Amino acid sequence: MSEHSHPELPELPYEYDALEPHISEQVVTWHHDTHHQGYVNGLESAEATLAENREEGDFGSSGSAIRNVTHNGCGHYLHTLFWENMHPDGGGEPDGELLDRIEEDFGSYEGWKGEFKAAAGAAGGWALLVFDPVANQLRNVVVDKHDQGALWGAHPILALDVWEHSYYYDYGPDRGDFIDNFFEVVNWDSVADEYQTCLDNFE
């Protein structure tokens, strides 16, 4: 039997105050150390419940535990990508093959950005830019909570968390202002790396 790795909270790839003034040190601290840690804990707990139920042959609580795996697992995975997708020296626009692909699939960078911002405005959880290997194209996806609205087989390459805990302390109810400021810290190198990984796997 293969050895499963335990979920762990990743360290931030920058200091807690590095994204200021766009995202405050306080929000990053709460969001990473408390919210993200909560999804890691929830995932570990749900997997422990499933393992115990298998061992005992009693699956009465397995259905809810499976739901907790997908909810907390997606919360953990998407937050990990979210932190990597930002950088204090970020912002600007993508270039190279990623920009070419965005222009091919969305008509223009501005066409993609306008659609992504609309996704972020409509989402009850996340706006994602994903690579869809079935259609062989990039798509914007609206995800509610962490796991509702996902596209099977698609790999997220850019994740924007629009749960209220990600912006309310800094921006109040003005989600649009938060979305605009997110683009000031987007780490396009990270997004391009994720895209290249998709291409490597697709080929």
N, C-alpha and C. Protein backbone atom coordinates (compact mmCIF):
# COMPACT_ATOMS: atom_id res chain seq x y z
N MET A 1 0.84 -1.19 0.00
CA MET A 1 0.00 0.00 0.00
C MET A 1 0.88 1.24 0.00
N SER A 2 0.53 2.23 -0.82
CA SER A 2 1.34 3.44 -0.92
C SER A 2 1.20 4.28 0.35
N GLU A 3 2.25 5.00 0.65
CA GLU A 3 2.26 5.86 1.84
C GLU A 3 1.65 7.21 1.48
N HIS A 4 0.59 7.58 2.18
CA HIS A 4 -0.07 8.86 1.92
C HIS A 4 0.65 9.97 2.67
N SER A 5 0.75 11.13 2.02
CA SER A 5 1.34 12.28 2.70
C SER A 5 0.26 12.99 3.51
N HIS A 6 0.66 13.53 4.66
CA HIS A 6 -0.28 14.27 5.49
C HIS A 6 -0.35 15.71 5.01
N PRO A 7 -1.56 16.29 5.00
CA PRO A 7 -1.66 17.70 4.57
C PRO A 7 -0.93 18.60 5.55
N GLU A 8 -0.24 19.59 5.04
CA GLU A 8 0.48 20.53 5.88
C GLU A 8 0.26 21.94 5.38
N LEU A 9 0.21 22.88 6.30
CA LEU A 9 0.10 24.29 5.93
C LEU A 9 1.42 24.75 5.33
N PRO A 10 1.40 25.23 4.07
CA PRO A 10 2.66 25.69 3.47
C PRO A 10 3.08 27.03 4.06
N GLU A 11 4.37 27.25 4.12
CA GLU A 11 4.85 28.57 4.52
C GLU A 11 4.54 29.57 3.42
N LEU A 12 4.28 30.81 3.82
CA LEU A 12 4.11 31.86 2.82
C LEU A 12 5.41 32.07 2.06
N PRO A 13 5.31 32.34 0.75
CA PRO A 13 6.54 32.58 -0.02
C PRO A 13 7.06 34.01 0.13
N TYR A 14 6.56 34.76 1.09
CA TYR A 14 6.96 36.15 1.34
C TYR A 14 6.57 36.47 2.79
N GLU A 15 6.97 37.64 3.28
CA GLU A 15 6.62 38.04 4.64
C GLU A 15 5.13 38.40 4.73
N TYR A 16 4.60 38.37 5.93
CA TYR A 16 3.17 38.62 6.13
C TYR A 16 2.74 40.03 5.70
N ASP A 17 3.67 40.99 5.77
CA ASP A 17 3.32 42.36 5.40
C ASP A 17 3.74 42.72 3.98
N ALA A 18 4.20 41.72 3.22
CA ALA A 18 4.81 42.00 1.91
C ALA A 18 3.82 42.47 0.86
N LEU A 19 2.54 42.16 1.04
CA LEU A 19 1.55 42.52 0.02
C LEU A 19 0.87 43.86 0.31
N GLU A 20 1.29 44.52 1.38
CA GLU A 20 0.73 45.84 1.68
C GLU A 20 1.15 46.84 0.62
N PRO A 21 0.33 47.86 0.28
CA PRO A 21 -0.94 48.21 0.90
C PRO A 21 -2.16 47.46 0.31
N HIS A 22 -1.92 46.55 -0.61
CA HIS A 22 -3.04 45.92 -1.32
C HIS A 22 -3.77 44.91 -0.46
N ILE A 23 -3.01 44.14 0.33
CA ILE A 23 -3.59 43.22 1.30
C ILE A 23 -2.78 43.38 2.59
N SER A 24 -3.47 43.67 3.69
CA SER A 24 -2.78 44.03 4.92
C SER A 24 -2.13 42.83 5.60
N GLU A 25 -1.14 43.13 6.43
CA GLU A 25 -0.47 42.09 7.22
C GLU A 25 -1.49 41.36 8.09
N GLN A 26 -2.45 42.09 8.65
CA GLN A 26 -3.45 41.47 9.53
C GLN A 26 -4.27 40.45 8.77
N VAL A 27 -4.74 40.81 7.56
CA VAL A 27 -5.56 39.89 6.78
C VAL A 27 -4.75 38.65 6.37
N VAL A 28 -3.51 38.85 5.91
CA VAL A 28 -2.68 37.72 5.52
C VAL A 28 -2.45 36.79 6.72
N THR A 29 -2.22 37.37 7.89
CA THR A 29 -1.99 36.56 9.09
C THR A 29 -3.22 35.73 9.43
N TRP A 30 -4.37 36.37 9.52
CA TRP A 30 -5.61 35.64 9.81
C TRP A 30 -5.89 34.59 8.74
N HIS A 31 -5.76 35.03 7.50
CA HIS A 31 -6.16 34.19 6.37
C HIS A 31 -5.28 32.95 6.27
N HIS A 32 -3.98 33.13 6.41
CA HIS A 32 -3.05 32.01 6.30
C HIS A 32 -3.03 31.16 7.56
N ASP A 33 -2.79 31.80 8.70
CA ASP A 33 -2.54 31.04 9.94
C ASP A 33 -3.80 30.44 10.55
N THR A 34 -4.94 31.07 10.32
CA THR A 34 -6.19 30.58 10.92
C THR A 34 -7.08 29.89 9.89
N HIS A 35 -7.47 30.62 8.83
CA HIS A 35 -8.40 30.05 7.85
C HIS A 35 -7.78 28.88 7.09
N HIS A 36 -6.61 29.09 6.50
CA HIS A 36 -5.99 28.01 5.73
C HIS A 36 -5.66 26.84 6.64
N GLN A 37 -5.15 27.12 7.83
CA GLN A 37 -4.86 26.03 8.77
C GLN A 37 -6.11 25.23 9.10
N GLY A 38 -7.25 25.91 9.16
CA GLY A 38 -8.50 25.22 9.43
C GLY A 38 -8.85 24.20 8.36
N TYR A 39 -8.58 24.52 7.10
CA TYR A 39 -8.86 23.56 6.02
C TYR A 39 -7.89 22.38 6.07
N VAL A 40 -6.64 22.65 6.41
CA VAL A 40 -5.67 21.57 6.58
C VAL A 40 -6.13 20.63 7.70
N ASN A 41 -6.54 21.21 8.82
CA ASN A 41 -7.00 20.39 9.95
C ASN A 41 -8.25 19.60 9.58
N GLY A 42 -9.18 20.26 8.87
CA GLY A 42 -10.41 19.60 8.47
C GLY A 42 -10.17 18.44 7.53
N LEU A 43 -9.23 18.62 6.62
CA LEU A 43 -8.89 17.56 5.68
C LEU A 43 -8.27 16.38 6.41
N GLU A 44 -7.35 16.67 7.30
CA GLU A 44 -6.68 15.59 8.05
C GLU A 44 -7.68 14.82 8.91
N SER A 45 -8.59 15.55 9.55
CA SER A 45 -9.59 14.91 10.40
C SER A 45 -10.53 14.03 9.59
N ALA A 46 -10.96 14.53 8.44
CA ALA A 46 -11.89 13.76 7.60
C ALA A 46 -11.22 12.49 7.07
N GLU A 47 -9.95 12.59 6.69
CA GLU A 47 -9.25 11.41 6.19
C GLU A 47 -9.02 10.40 7.31
N ALA A 48 -8.80 10.88 8.52
CA ALA A 48 -8.64 9.97 9.66
C ALA A 48 -9.95 9.23 9.94
N THR A 49 -11.06 9.94 9.81
CA THR A 49 -12.37 9.31 10.01
C THR A 49 -12.61 8.23 8.96
N LEU A 50 -12.30 8.51 7.72
CA LEU A 50 -12.48 7.51 6.66
C LEU A 50 -11.61 6.28 6.90
N ALA A 51 -10.37 6.51 7.29
CA ALA A 51 -9.47 5.38 7.54
C ALA A 51 -9.98 4.52 8.69
N GLU A 52 -10.45 5.16 9.75
CA GLU A 52 -10.98 4.43 10.90
C GLU A 52 -12.23 3.64 10.52
N ASN A 53 -13.10 4.27 9.71
CA ASN A 53 -14.32 3.59 9.29
C ASN A 53 -14.02 2.37 8.43
N ARG A 54 -13.02 2.48 7.56
CA ARG A 54 -12.64 1.33 6.73
C ARG A 54 -12.14 0.18 7.60
N GLU A 55 -11.33 0.56 8.59
CA GLU A 55 -10.74 -0.46 9.46
C GLU A 55 -11.82 -1.18 10.28
N GLU A 56 -12.83 -0.43 10.71
CA GLU A 56 -13.86 -0.99 11.56
C GLU A 56 -15.03 -1.57 10.77
N GLY A 57 -15.09 -1.26 9.47
CA GLY A 57 -16.19 -1.73 8.64
C GLY A 57 -17.51 -1.06 8.96
N ASP A 58 -17.45 0.13 9.53
CA ASP A 58 -18.65 0.90 9.88
C ASP A 58 -18.60 2.21 9.11
N PHE A 59 -19.50 2.35 8.11
CA PHE A 59 -19.40 3.49 7.20
C PHE A 59 -20.51 4.52 7.42
N GLY A 60 -21.10 4.50 8.62
CA GLY A 60 -22.20 5.41 8.91
C GLY A 60 -21.85 6.88 8.77
N SER A 61 -20.63 7.25 9.12
CA SER A 61 -20.22 8.66 9.03
C SER A 61 -19.34 8.94 7.82
N SER A 62 -19.18 7.95 6.94
CA SER A 62 -18.24 8.13 5.82
C SER A 62 -18.75 9.12 4.79
N GLY A 63 -20.07 9.16 4.58
CA GLY A 63 -20.61 10.09 3.59
C GLY A 63 -20.27 11.53 3.91
N SER A 64 -20.51 11.94 5.15
CA SER A 64 -20.19 13.32 5.54
C SER A 64 -18.69 13.55 5.55
N ALA A 65 -17.92 12.53 5.90
CA ALA A 65 -16.46 12.69 5.90
C ALA A 65 -15.92 12.89 4.48
N ILE A 66 -16.52 12.18 3.52
CA ILE A 66 -16.12 12.36 2.12
C ILE A 66 -16.39 13.79 1.66
N ARG A 67 -17.56 14.32 2.05
CA ARG A 67 -17.86 15.72 1.73
C ARG A 67 -16.83 16.66 2.36
N ASN A 68 -16.42 16.33 3.58
CA ASN A 68 -15.43 17.16 4.26
C ASN A 68 -14.06 17.09 3.59
N VAL A 69 -13.74 15.94 2.99
CA VAL A 69 -12.48 15.81 2.24
C VAL A 69 -12.49 16.76 1.06
N THR A 70 -13.56 16.76 0.27
CA THR A 70 -13.57 17.61 -0.92
C THR A 70 -13.62 19.09 -0.54
N HIS A 71 -14.43 19.43 0.47
CA HIS A 71 -14.53 20.84 0.86
C HIS A 71 -13.20 21.35 1.41
N ASN A 72 -12.66 20.64 2.39
CA ASN A 72 -11.41 21.09 3.01
C ASN A 72 -10.21 20.88 2.10
N GLY A 73 -10.23 19.79 1.32
CA GLY A 73 -9.13 19.55 0.38
C GLY A 73 -9.04 20.65 -0.66
N CYS A 74 -10.17 21.01 -1.24
CA CYS A 74 -10.16 22.09 -2.23
C CYS A 74 -9.78 23.42 -1.57
N GLY A 75 -10.25 23.64 -0.34
CA GLY A 75 -9.85 24.85 0.37
C GLY A 75 -8.36 24.91 0.58
N HIS A 76 -7.77 23.79 0.94
CA HIS A 76 -6.31 23.71 1.14
C HIS A 76 -5.56 23.91 -0.17
N TYR A 77 -5.96 23.19 -1.21
CA TYR A 77 -5.24 23.26 -2.48
C TYR A 77 -5.34 24.65 -3.11
N LEU A 78 -6.55 25.22 -3.09
CA LEU A 78 -6.73 26.53 -3.73
C LEU A 78 -6.02 27.63 -2.95
N HIS A 79 -6.03 27.56 -1.62
CA HIS A 79 -5.30 28.57 -0.85
C HIS A 79 -3.80 28.47 -1.11
N THR A 80 -3.29 27.25 -1.23
CA THR A 80 -1.87 27.08 -1.53
C THR A 80 -1.51 27.76 -2.84
N LEU A 81 -2.36 27.58 -3.85
CA LEU A 81 -2.13 28.24 -5.14
C LEU A 81 -2.29 29.75 -5.02
N PHE A 82 -3.28 30.21 -4.26
CA PHE A 82 -3.54 31.63 -4.06
C PHE A 82 -2.31 32.34 -3.52
N TRP A 83 -1.66 31.76 -2.49
CA TRP A 83 -0.45 32.39 -1.94
C TRP A 83 0.66 32.45 -2.99
N GLU A 84 0.80 31.38 -3.76
CA GLU A 84 1.86 31.34 -4.77
C GLU A 84 1.57 32.30 -5.92
N ASN A 85 0.31 32.57 -6.17
CA ASN A 85 -0.11 33.42 -7.28
C ASN A 85 0.09 34.91 -6.99
N MET A 86 0.58 35.23 -5.78
CA MET A 86 0.81 36.64 -5.44
C MET A 86 2.27 36.84 -5.05
N HIS A 87 2.73 38.08 -5.24
CA HIS A 87 4.11 38.42 -4.91
C HIS A 87 4.20 39.93 -4.75
N PRO A 88 5.03 40.41 -3.80
CA PRO A 88 5.15 41.87 -3.63
C PRO A 88 5.66 42.58 -4.87
N ASP A 89 6.40 41.88 -5.74
CA ASP A 89 6.88 42.48 -6.98
C ASP A 89 5.99 42.10 -8.17
N GLY A 90 4.77 41.65 -7.87
CA GLY A 90 3.85 41.22 -8.94
C GLY A 90 3.18 42.39 -9.63
N GLY A 91 2.09 42.08 -10.30
CA GLY A 91 1.36 43.09 -11.06
C GLY A 91 1.74 43.06 -12.52
N GLY A 92 1.32 44.08 -13.24
CA GLY A 92 1.58 44.14 -14.67
C GLY A 92 0.73 43.15 -15.43
N GLU A 93 1.27 42.66 -16.52
CA GLU A 93 0.55 41.73 -17.37
C GLU A 93 1.42 40.52 -17.69
N PRO A 94 0.81 39.42 -18.05
CA PRO A 94 1.61 38.24 -18.44
C PRO A 94 2.31 38.49 -19.76
N ASP A 95 3.29 37.65 -20.08
CA ASP A 95 3.97 37.75 -21.37
C ASP A 95 4.25 36.34 -21.89
N GLY A 96 4.97 36.25 -22.97
CA GLY A 96 5.39 34.96 -23.50
C GLY A 96 4.24 34.06 -23.90
N GLU A 97 4.44 32.75 -23.71
CA GLU A 97 3.46 31.77 -24.16
C GLU A 97 2.13 31.91 -23.44
N LEU A 98 2.18 32.29 -22.16
CA LEU A 98 0.93 32.45 -21.41
C LEU A 98 0.09 33.57 -22.01
N LEU A 99 0.71 34.69 -22.31
CA LEU A 99 -0.04 35.80 -22.93
C LEU A 99 -0.58 35.39 -24.29
N ASP A 100 0.23 34.69 -25.07
CA ASP A 100 -0.23 34.22 -26.38
C ASP A 100 -1.48 33.36 -26.24
N ARG A 101 -1.46 32.48 -25.24
CA ARG A 101 -2.58 31.57 -25.05
C ARG A 101 -3.83 32.31 -24.56
N ILE A 102 -3.64 33.27 -23.68
CA ILE A 102 -4.77 34.09 -23.22
C ILE A 102 -5.39 34.83 -24.40
N GLU A 103 -4.56 35.41 -25.24
CA GLU A 103 -5.08 36.14 -26.40
C GLU A 103 -5.79 35.20 -27.37
N GLU A 104 -5.26 33.98 -27.51
CA GLU A 104 -5.88 33.01 -28.41
C GLU A 104 -7.24 32.56 -27.89
N ASP A 105 -7.32 32.30 -26.59
CA ASP A 105 -8.54 31.71 -26.01
C ASP A 105 -9.58 32.75 -25.60
N PHE A 106 -9.16 33.99 -25.34
CA PHE A 106 -10.10 35.01 -24.88
C PHE A 106 -10.18 36.22 -25.81
N GLY A 107 -9.41 36.22 -26.89
CA GLY A 107 -9.45 37.34 -27.83
C GLY A 107 -8.43 38.41 -27.53
N SER A 108 -8.21 38.70 -26.25
CA SER A 108 -7.24 39.69 -25.81
C SER A 108 -7.03 39.54 -24.31
N TYR A 109 -5.96 40.15 -23.81
CA TYR A 109 -5.75 40.15 -22.37
C TYR A 109 -6.89 40.87 -21.67
N GLU A 110 -7.31 42.01 -22.22
CA GLU A 110 -8.40 42.76 -21.61
C GLU A 110 -9.70 41.97 -21.63
N GLY A 111 -9.90 41.18 -22.69
CA GLY A 111 -11.08 40.32 -22.76
C GLY A 111 -11.07 39.28 -21.66
N TRP A 112 -9.88 38.70 -21.42
CA TRP A 112 -9.76 37.73 -20.32
C TRP A 112 -9.98 38.42 -18.98
N LYS A 113 -9.31 39.56 -18.77
CA LYS A 113 -9.37 40.23 -17.47
C LYS A 113 -10.79 40.66 -17.14
N GLY A 114 -11.50 41.20 -18.12
CA GLY A 114 -12.88 41.61 -17.88
C GLY A 114 -13.75 40.43 -17.49
N GLU A 115 -13.55 39.30 -18.15
CA GLU A 115 -14.33 38.10 -17.84
C GLU A 115 -13.95 37.54 -16.47
N PHE A 116 -12.65 37.54 -16.15
CA PHE A 116 -12.19 37.03 -14.86
C PHE A 116 -12.75 37.89 -13.72
N LYS A 117 -12.76 39.20 -13.90
CA LYS A 117 -13.31 40.08 -12.87
C LYS A 117 -14.81 39.84 -12.70
N ALA A 118 -15.50 39.53 -13.81
CA ALA A 118 -16.92 39.20 -13.71
C ALA A 118 -17.11 37.90 -12.95
N ALA A 119 -16.23 36.93 -13.17
CA ALA A 119 -16.28 35.67 -12.43
C ALA A 119 -16.07 35.93 -10.94
N ALA A 120 -15.10 36.79 -10.62
CA ALA A 120 -14.81 37.10 -9.23
C ALA A 120 -15.98 37.83 -8.56
N GLY A 121 -16.68 38.63 -9.33
CA GLY A 121 -17.83 39.34 -8.79
C GLY A 121 -19.01 38.42 -8.55
N ALA A 122 -19.10 37.34 -9.34
CA ALA A 122 -20.24 36.42 -9.24
C ALA A 122 -20.00 35.27 -8.28
N ALA A 123 -18.75 35.00 -7.96
CA ALA A 123 -18.40 33.79 -7.20
C ALA A 123 -18.80 33.90 -5.74
N GLY A 124 -19.18 32.76 -5.17
CA GLY A 124 -19.39 32.66 -3.74
C GLY A 124 -18.21 31.99 -3.07
N GLY A 125 -17.05 32.13 -3.63
CA GLY A 125 -15.86 31.48 -3.09
C GLY A 125 -14.60 31.88 -3.84
N TRP A 126 -14.51 31.44 -5.10
CA TRP A 126 -13.28 31.62 -5.87
C TRP A 126 -13.57 31.95 -7.33
N ALA A 127 -12.69 32.74 -7.92
CA ALA A 127 -12.60 32.86 -9.37
C ALA A 127 -11.30 32.19 -9.77
N LEU A 128 -11.37 31.30 -10.76
CA LEU A 128 -10.21 30.54 -11.19
C LEU A 128 -9.99 30.69 -12.69
N LEU A 129 -8.72 30.80 -13.07
CA LEU A 129 -8.31 30.58 -14.45
C LEU A 129 -7.77 29.17 -14.49
N VAL A 130 -8.37 28.33 -15.34
CA VAL A 130 -7.99 26.92 -15.39
C VAL A 130 -7.59 26.52 -16.80
N PHE A 131 -6.77 25.48 -16.87
CA PHE A 131 -6.49 24.84 -18.15
C PHE A 131 -7.40 23.63 -18.26
N ASP A 132 -8.22 23.60 -19.29
CA ASP A 132 -9.15 22.50 -19.54
C ASP A 132 -8.52 21.58 -20.58
N PRO A 133 -8.02 20.41 -20.16
CA PRO A 133 -7.32 19.53 -21.10
C PRO A 133 -8.26 18.82 -22.08
N VAL A 134 -9.54 18.75 -21.75
CA VAL A 134 -10.50 18.11 -22.66
C VAL A 134 -10.71 18.97 -23.90
N ALA A 135 -10.95 20.26 -23.65
CA ALA A 135 -11.14 21.20 -24.77
C ALA A 135 -9.82 21.81 -25.23
N ASN A 136 -8.74 21.56 -24.48
CA ASN A 136 -7.42 22.13 -24.77
C ASN A 136 -7.50 23.65 -24.85
N GLN A 137 -7.99 24.25 -23.78
CA GLN A 137 -8.08 25.71 -23.74
C GLN A 137 -8.11 26.21 -22.30
N LEU A 138 -7.82 27.49 -22.14
CA LEU A 138 -7.96 28.15 -20.86
C LEU A 138 -9.41 28.59 -20.69
N ARG A 139 -9.90 28.52 -19.45
CA ARG A 139 -11.25 28.95 -19.14
C ARG A 139 -11.25 29.67 -17.80
N ASN A 140 -12.17 30.62 -17.65
CA ASN A 140 -12.46 31.19 -16.34
C ASN A 140 -13.60 30.39 -15.72
N VAL A 141 -13.50 30.14 -14.42
CA VAL A 141 -14.47 29.31 -13.73
C VAL A 141 -14.92 30.03 -12.46
N VAL A 142 -16.23 30.00 -12.22
CA VAL A 142 -16.82 30.52 -10.99
C VAL A 142 -17.02 29.35 -10.04
N VAL A 143 -16.42 29.42 -8.86
CA VAL A 143 -16.53 28.35 -7.88
C VAL A 143 -17.16 28.89 -6.60
N ASP A 144 -18.24 28.25 -6.15
CA ASP A 144 -18.85 28.59 -4.87
C ASP A 144 -18.26 27.68 -3.80
N LYS A 145 -18.19 28.22 -2.57
CA LYS A 145 -17.47 27.55 -1.49
C LYS A 145 -16.06 27.23 -2.01
N HIS A 146 -15.63 25.97 -1.99
CA HIS A 146 -14.32 25.63 -2.56
C HIS A 146 -14.44 24.61 -3.69
N ASP A 147 -15.58 23.95 -3.76
CA ASP A 147 -15.66 22.77 -4.63
C ASP A 147 -16.94 22.70 -5.46
N GLN A 148 -17.73 23.76 -5.50
CA GLN A 148 -18.97 23.76 -6.28
C GLN A 148 -18.79 24.62 -7.52
N GLY A 149 -18.86 24.00 -8.67
CA GLY A 149 -18.65 24.71 -9.92
C GLY A 149 -17.34 24.35 -10.59
N ALA A 150 -16.62 23.38 -10.01
CA ALA A 150 -15.36 22.94 -10.60
C ALA A 150 -15.62 22.22 -11.92
N LEU A 151 -14.65 22.25 -12.79
CA LEU A 151 -14.73 21.57 -14.08
C LEU A 151 -13.81 20.35 -14.01
N TRP A 152 -14.38 19.15 -14.14
CA TRP A 152 -13.60 17.93 -14.00
C TRP A 152 -12.42 17.90 -14.96
N GLY A 153 -11.26 17.56 -14.43
CA GLY A 153 -10.05 17.43 -15.23
C GLY A 153 -9.30 18.73 -15.42
N ALA A 154 -9.96 19.87 -15.15
CA ALA A 154 -9.30 21.16 -15.34
C ALA A 154 -8.33 21.45 -14.20
N HIS A 155 -7.23 22.10 -14.53
CA HIS A 155 -6.20 22.41 -13.53
C HIS A 155 -6.14 23.92 -13.31
N PRO A 156 -6.39 24.40 -12.08
CA PRO A 156 -6.30 25.84 -11.82
C PRO A 156 -4.87 26.34 -11.96
N ILE A 157 -4.71 27.49 -12.61
CA ILE A 157 -3.39 28.10 -12.71
C ILE A 157 -3.36 29.48 -12.05
N LEU A 158 -4.55 30.07 -11.83
CA LEU A 158 -4.65 31.35 -11.12
C LEU A 158 -5.90 31.28 -10.26
N ALA A 159 -5.73 31.56 -8.97
CA ALA A 159 -6.84 31.47 -8.02
C ALA A 159 -7.00 32.78 -7.26
N LEU A 160 -8.21 33.30 -7.24
CA LEU A 160 -8.53 34.50 -6.47
C LEU A 160 -9.62 34.15 -5.46
N ASP A 161 -9.29 34.29 -4.20
CA ASP A 161 -10.22 34.01 -3.11
C ASP A 161 -11.09 35.24 -2.89
N VAL A 162 -12.41 35.09 -3.07
CA VAL A 162 -13.32 36.21 -2.83
C VAL A 162 -14.29 35.92 -1.68
N TRP A 163 -13.93 34.95 -0.81
CA TRP A 163 -14.66 34.84 0.45
C TRP A 163 -14.45 36.15 1.21
N GLU A 164 -15.43 36.52 2.02
CA GLU A 164 -15.34 37.81 2.71
C GLU A 164 -14.12 37.91 3.62
N HIS A 165 -13.64 36.78 4.16
CA HIS A 165 -12.48 36.86 5.05
C HIS A 165 -11.23 37.33 4.32
N SER A 166 -11.23 37.28 2.99
CA SER A 166 -10.04 37.68 2.24
C SER A 166 -9.97 39.19 2.00
N TYR A 167 -11.07 39.92 2.22
CA TYR A 167 -11.02 41.34 1.89
C TYR A 167 -11.81 42.27 2.81
N TYR A 168 -12.74 41.76 3.62
CA TYR A 168 -13.64 42.64 4.33
C TYR A 168 -12.92 43.57 5.31
N TYR A 169 -11.90 43.06 5.98
CA TYR A 169 -11.16 43.88 6.94
C TYR A 169 -10.50 45.07 6.23
N ASP A 170 -9.99 44.85 5.02
CA ASP A 170 -9.29 45.90 4.28
C ASP A 170 -10.23 46.79 3.47
N TYR A 171 -11.26 46.20 2.90
CA TYR A 171 -12.06 46.91 1.90
C TYR A 171 -13.54 47.04 2.25
N GLY A 172 -13.95 46.46 3.38
CA GLY A 172 -15.37 46.46 3.68
C GLY A 172 -16.12 45.69 2.60
N PRO A 173 -17.33 46.13 2.25
CA PRO A 173 -18.12 45.39 1.26
C PRO A 173 -17.68 45.62 -0.19
N ASP A 174 -16.62 46.42 -0.42
CA ASP A 174 -16.22 46.77 -1.78
C ASP A 174 -15.33 45.68 -2.37
N ARG A 175 -15.96 44.58 -2.77
CA ARG A 175 -15.21 43.47 -3.36
C ARG A 175 -14.50 43.90 -4.63
N GLY A 176 -15.12 44.77 -5.41
CA GLY A 176 -14.53 45.20 -6.67
C GLY A 176 -13.19 45.89 -6.48
N ASP A 177 -13.06 46.70 -5.43
CA ASP A 177 -11.80 47.38 -5.13
C ASP A 177 -10.73 46.35 -4.78
N PHE A 178 -11.12 45.33 -4.00
CA PHE A 178 -10.19 44.25 -3.66
C PHE A 178 -9.73 43.52 -4.92
N ILE A 179 -10.65 43.22 -5.82
CA ILE A 179 -10.30 42.51 -7.06
C ILE A 179 -9.31 43.34 -7.87
N ASP A 180 -9.56 44.65 -7.98
CA ASP A 180 -8.64 45.53 -8.71
C ASP A 180 -7.25 45.49 -8.08
N ASN A 181 -7.19 45.51 -6.75
CA ASN A 181 -5.90 45.51 -6.07
C ASN A 181 -5.19 44.17 -6.16
N PHE A 182 -5.95 43.09 -6.29
CA PHE A 182 -5.33 41.77 -6.49
C PHE A 182 -4.43 41.79 -7.73
N PHE A 183 -4.86 42.48 -8.77
CA PHE A 183 -4.07 42.51 -10.00
C PHE A 183 -2.76 43.28 -9.83
N GLU A 184 -2.64 44.04 -8.74
CA GLU A 184 -1.38 44.75 -8.46
C GLU A 184 -0.32 43.83 -7.87
N VAL A 185 -0.73 42.64 -7.43
CA VAL A 185 0.22 41.72 -6.80
C VAL A 185 0.24 40.34 -7.47
N VAL A 186 -0.45 40.17 -8.60
CA VAL A 186 -0.45 38.86 -9.28
C VAL A 186 0.97 38.49 -9.69
N ASN A 187 1.35 37.29 -9.35
CA ASN A 187 2.68 36.76 -9.70
C ASN A 187 2.55 35.99 -11.01
N TRP A 188 2.74 36.66 -12.12
CA TRP A 188 2.54 36.03 -13.42
C TRP A 188 3.55 34.93 -13.70
N ASP A 189 4.72 34.98 -13.05
CA ASP A 189 5.68 33.89 -13.20
C ASP A 189 5.11 32.59 -12.64
N SER A 190 4.43 32.69 -11.50
CA SER A 190 3.79 31.52 -10.90
C SER A 190 2.70 30.97 -11.81
N VAL A 191 1.89 31.86 -12.36
CA VAL A 191 0.80 31.43 -13.25
C VAL A 191 1.39 30.75 -14.50
N ALA A 192 2.45 31.34 -15.05
CA ALA A 192 3.10 30.77 -16.23
C ALA A 192 3.68 29.39 -15.93
N ASP A 193 4.26 29.22 -14.73
CA ASP A 193 4.80 27.92 -14.34
C ASP A 193 3.69 26.88 -14.25
N GLU A 194 2.56 27.25 -13.66
CA GLU A 194 1.43 26.33 -13.57
C GLU A 194 0.92 25.96 -14.97
N TYR A 195 0.87 26.94 -15.84
CA TYR A 195 0.42 26.69 -17.21
C TYR A 195 1.37 25.73 -17.92
N GLN A 196 2.68 25.93 -17.74
CA GLN A 196 3.65 25.05 -18.38
C GLN A 196 3.54 23.62 -17.87
N THR A 197 3.29 23.47 -16.56
CA THR A 197 3.06 22.14 -15.99
C THR A 197 1.87 21.46 -16.66
N CYS A 198 0.82 22.22 -16.89
CA CYS A 198 -0.36 21.68 -17.59
C CYS A 198 0.01 21.20 -18.98
N LEU A 199 0.78 22.00 -19.71
CA LEU A 199 1.16 21.63 -21.06
C LEU A 199 2.02 20.36 -21.06
N ASP A 200 2.95 20.31 -20.10
CA ASP A 200 3.82 19.14 -20.01
C ASP A 200 3.01 17.87 -19.76
N ASN A 201 2.02 17.97 -18.87
CA ASN A 201 1.18 16.82 -18.57
C ASN A 201 0.23 16.48 -19.71
N PHE A 202 -0.22 17.51 -20.41
CA PHE A 202 -1.17 17.32 -21.50
C PHE A 202 -0.51 16.61 -22.67
N GLU A 203 0.73 16.97 -22.91
CA GLU A 203 1.46 16.37 -24.03
C GLU A 203 1.86 14.94 -23.70
